[in-house]
Amino acid sequence: MGIVGQLREVEDQLIKELEGTTIPLWRLGKKYGVSKQAIFDFLRRKGIKRPKREHTGKCLICQRLIRFAKKPHSDFITSQTIKKALGIGTSKWFYHLLILRKKGFISQKFGRLQSKKVERAYQIYFKRRLPVSVIGKQVGLKNFHSVLERHRVLGWDVPAPLFKYDGNDRRAFRLKVLKKKRRG
């Protein structure tokens, strides 16, 4: 009796397993005493669609990326920082990131920031809420205000700056701060 004959005897059971589980073909082949290629050929002949494996539920890297993405302002962290924190290389990073973006588990903007200076500027911006020009000077960015505007236009969730400060009028800046303190 050939391979096709062996599979005909257990056809109903095999079809049920192929349609209902994500057991690897090699394991099914071992169970029925045939090669994984024979199972694959049977699958194609019968036109059976297999369920996809749920990668993200079992993958430790994906789970860690999802946890990282749930932190506040995670879109404003560079890919280098995330890869370093998770201890993964670039190829693994891209593979898992694409899966998670496609399934909608993480934001499309997560991990797209490339500049360490901009990341540092955003950290200060979200924690201390200083004027944009002051933050730019602290981290060595002359154009932090334009970076904010560009990200806002692209749909990033960037709150509006608290102060409009040009660096020359320190007295006006102090007055704005005092007024805010009195109100709040």
Protein backbone atom coordinates (compact mmCIF):
# COMPACT_ATOMS: atom_id res chain seq x y z
CA MET A 1 0.00 0.00 0.00
CA GLY A 2 1.39 3.41 -1.01
CA ILE A 3 1.35 6.77 0.73
CA VAL A 4 -1.96 7.79 -0.87
CA GLY A 5 -3.52 4.52 0.31
CA GLN A 6 -2.26 5.08 3.86
CA LEU A 7 -3.78 8.55 3.93
CA ARG A 8 -7.12 7.40 2.43
CA GLU A 9 -7.67 5.17 5.44
CA VAL A 10 -7.37 8.11 7.86
CA GLU A 11 -8.58 10.83 5.49
CA ASP A 12 -11.47 12.12 7.62
CA GLN A 13 -9.36 12.29 10.76
CA LEU A 14 -6.45 13.96 8.90
CA ILE A 15 -8.74 16.56 7.29
CA LYS A 16 -10.17 17.38 10.72
CA GLU A 17 -6.68 17.83 12.16
CA LEU A 18 -5.46 19.90 9.22
CA GLU A 19 -8.47 22.25 9.34
CA GLY A 20 -8.77 22.53 13.09
CA THR A 21 -5.23 22.67 14.43
CA THR A 22 -1.89 24.27 13.70
CA ILE A 23 0.12 21.11 14.32
CA PRO A 24 3.21 21.22 12.11
CA LEU A 25 3.12 19.05 8.98
CA TRP A 26 6.20 17.08 10.00
CA ARG A 27 4.51 16.08 13.26
CA LEU A 28 1.37 14.93 11.41
CA GLY A 29 3.56 13.02 8.97
CA LYS A 30 5.26 11.29 11.86
CA LYS A 31 1.89 10.42 13.41
CA TYR A 32 0.57 8.86 10.19
CA GLY A 33 3.88 7.30 9.12
CA VAL A 34 4.47 9.47 6.03
CA SER A 35 6.69 12.42 5.16
CA LYS A 36 5.71 16.04 5.68
CA GLN A 37 5.76 16.43 1.90
CA ALA A 38 3.08 13.72 1.61
CA ILE A 39 0.92 15.62 4.11
CA PHE A 40 1.54 18.84 2.17
CA ASP A 41 0.56 17.19 -1.12
CA PHE A 42 -2.60 15.82 0.50
CA LEU A 43 -3.39 19.31 1.79
CA ARG A 44 -3.05 20.81 -1.70
CA ARG A 45 -5.00 18.03 -3.43
CA LYS A 46 -7.95 18.48 -1.07
CA GLY A 47 -7.76 22.30 -1.12
CA ILE A 48 -7.67 22.53 2.65
CA LYS A 49 -7.03 25.93 4.25
CA ARG A 50 -5.12 25.69 7.51
CA PRO A 51 -5.61 28.12 10.39
CA LYS A 52 -2.67 30.44 10.94
CA ARG A 53 -0.58 30.07 14.03
CA GLU A 54 -0.96 32.81 16.59
CA HIS A 55 2.61 34.07 16.67
CA THR A 56 2.13 37.01 19.00
CA GLY A 57 0.51 35.09 21.84
CA LYS A 58 3.48 32.79 22.39
CA CYS A 59 6.41 34.90 21.20
CA LEU A 60 8.38 36.42 24.08
CA ILE A 61 9.83 39.19 21.90
CA CYS A 62 6.37 40.21 20.68
CA GLN A 63 5.01 40.20 24.23
CA ARG A 64 7.88 42.38 25.43
CA LEU A 65 7.41 44.77 22.49
CA ILE A 66 3.67 45.06 23.25
CA ARG A 67 4.41 45.81 26.91
CA PHE A 68 6.99 48.40 25.85
CA ALA A 69 4.52 49.99 23.42
CA LYS A 70 1.88 50.36 26.16
CA LYS A 71 4.10 52.71 28.16
CA PRO A 72 3.14 56.39 27.94
CA HIS A 73 4.74 58.26 25.03
CA SER A 74 6.32 55.07 23.66
CA ASP A 75 6.10 56.44 20.10
CA PHE A 76 8.79 58.94 21.06
CA ILE A 77 11.45 56.36 21.90
CA THR A 78 14.08 55.50 19.31
CA SER A 79 14.37 52.06 17.81
CA GLN A 80 17.96 51.85 19.12
CA THR A 81 16.76 52.36 22.70
CA ILE A 82 14.04 49.74 22.35
CA LYS A 83 16.36 47.17 20.73
CA LYS A 84 18.96 47.75 23.44
CA ALA A 85 16.37 47.39 26.23
CA LEU A 86 15.06 44.13 24.74
CA GLY A 87 18.48 42.82 23.74
CA ILE A 88 17.54 42.02 20.14
CA GLY A 89 19.20 42.65 16.79
CA THR A 90 17.90 44.57 13.81
CA SER A 91 16.64 41.59 11.81
CA LYS A 92 14.57 40.24 14.73
CA TRP A 93 13.38 43.79 15.46
CA PHE A 94 11.99 44.32 11.96
CA TYR A 95 10.39 40.87 11.76
CA HIS A 96 8.45 41.21 15.02
CA LEU A 97 7.69 44.90 14.52
CA LEU A 98 6.08 44.25 11.13
CA ILE A 99 3.90 41.46 12.53
CA LEU A 100 2.72 43.61 15.43
CA ARG A 101 2.03 46.66 13.25
CA LYS A 102 0.10 44.57 10.73
CA LYS A 103 -2.09 43.05 13.46
CA GLY A 104 -2.62 46.47 15.07
CA PHE A 105 -1.10 45.58 18.45
CA ILE A 106 1.24 48.55 18.33
CA SER A 107 1.10 52.00 16.81
CA GLN A 108 2.35 52.53 13.27
CA LYS A 109 4.68 55.20 14.71
CA PHE A 110 6.22 52.96 17.39
CA GLY A 111 9.97 52.59 16.81
CA ARG A 112 10.13 55.05 13.92
CA LEU A 113 12.00 57.77 15.79
CA GLN A 114 15.68 57.67 14.85
CA SER A 115 17.41 60.59 16.60
CA LYS A 116 18.68 60.15 20.16
CA LYS A 117 18.68 63.95 20.59
CA VAL A 118 15.03 64.17 19.60
CA GLU A 119 14.21 61.29 21.96
CA ARG A 120 15.94 63.11 24.83
CA ALA A 121 14.15 66.36 23.92
CA TYR A 122 10.78 64.59 24.00
CA GLN A 123 11.58 63.07 27.40
CA ILE A 124 12.21 66.54 28.80
CA TYR A 125 9.17 67.92 26.96
CA PHE A 126 6.80 65.35 28.47
CA LYS A 127 8.27 65.30 31.99
CA ARG A 128 9.22 68.90 32.69
CA ARG A 129 7.12 70.79 30.14
CA LEU A 130 9.74 73.50 29.59
CA PRO A 131 9.61 75.95 26.68
CA VAL A 132 10.58 74.33 23.40
CA SER A 133 13.56 76.61 22.77
CA VAL A 134 14.98 75.85 26.23
CA ILE A 135 14.67 72.12 25.61
CA GLY A 136 16.30 72.50 22.20
CA LYS A 137 19.28 74.27 23.75
CA GLN A 138 19.60 71.67 26.51
CA VAL A 139 19.87 68.75 24.07
CA GLY A 140 21.64 70.58 21.24
CA LEU A 141 18.73 70.85 18.78
CA LYS A 142 18.21 74.15 17.01
CA ASN A 143 14.97 73.04 15.37
CA PHE A 144 13.02 71.18 18.08
CA HIS A 145 10.00 73.39 17.47
CA SER A 146 9.91 72.36 13.79
CA VAL A 147 10.31 68.69 14.80
CA LEU A 148 7.26 69.06 17.05
CA GLU A 149 5.25 70.68 14.29
CA ARG A 150 6.27 68.07 11.72
CA HIS A 151 5.27 65.22 14.04
CA ARG A 152 1.97 66.94 14.85
CA VAL A 153 1.23 67.32 11.11
CA LEU A 154 2.08 63.63 10.55
CA GLY A 155 -0.51 62.64 13.17
CA TRP A 156 1.68 61.96 16.19
CA ASP A 157 0.06 62.62 19.56
CA VAL A 158 2.14 65.67 20.52
CA PRO A 159 0.57 68.14 22.96
CA ALA A 160 0.90 71.82 22.11
CA PRO A 161 3.84 73.64 23.74
CA LEU A 162 3.00 75.42 26.99
CA PHE A 163 4.94 78.56 26.17
CA LYS A 164 5.90 80.50 23.10
CA TYR A 165 9.38 81.60 24.01
CA ASP A 166 11.94 83.03 21.65
CA GLY A 167 14.92 83.06 24.02
CA ASN A 168 15.37 86.85 24.00
CA ASP A 169 12.48 87.90 26.22
CA ARG A 170 13.23 86.22 29.56
CA ARG A 171 11.03 88.64 31.48
CA ALA A 172 7.96 87.73 29.38
CA PHE A 173 8.71 84.06 29.98
CA ARG A 174 8.87 84.60 33.76
CA LEU A 175 5.58 86.52 33.69
CA LYS A 176 3.84 83.67 31.85
CA VAL A 177 5.14 81.15 34.37
CA LEU A 178 4.02 83.29 37.30
CA LYS A 179 0.56 83.78 35.80
CA LYS A 180 0.16 80.05 35.33
CA LYS A 181 1.24 79.37 38.93
CA ARG A 182 -1.26 81.90 40.26
CA ARG A 183 -4.12 80.37 38.24
CA GLY A 184 -3.30 76.76 39.11
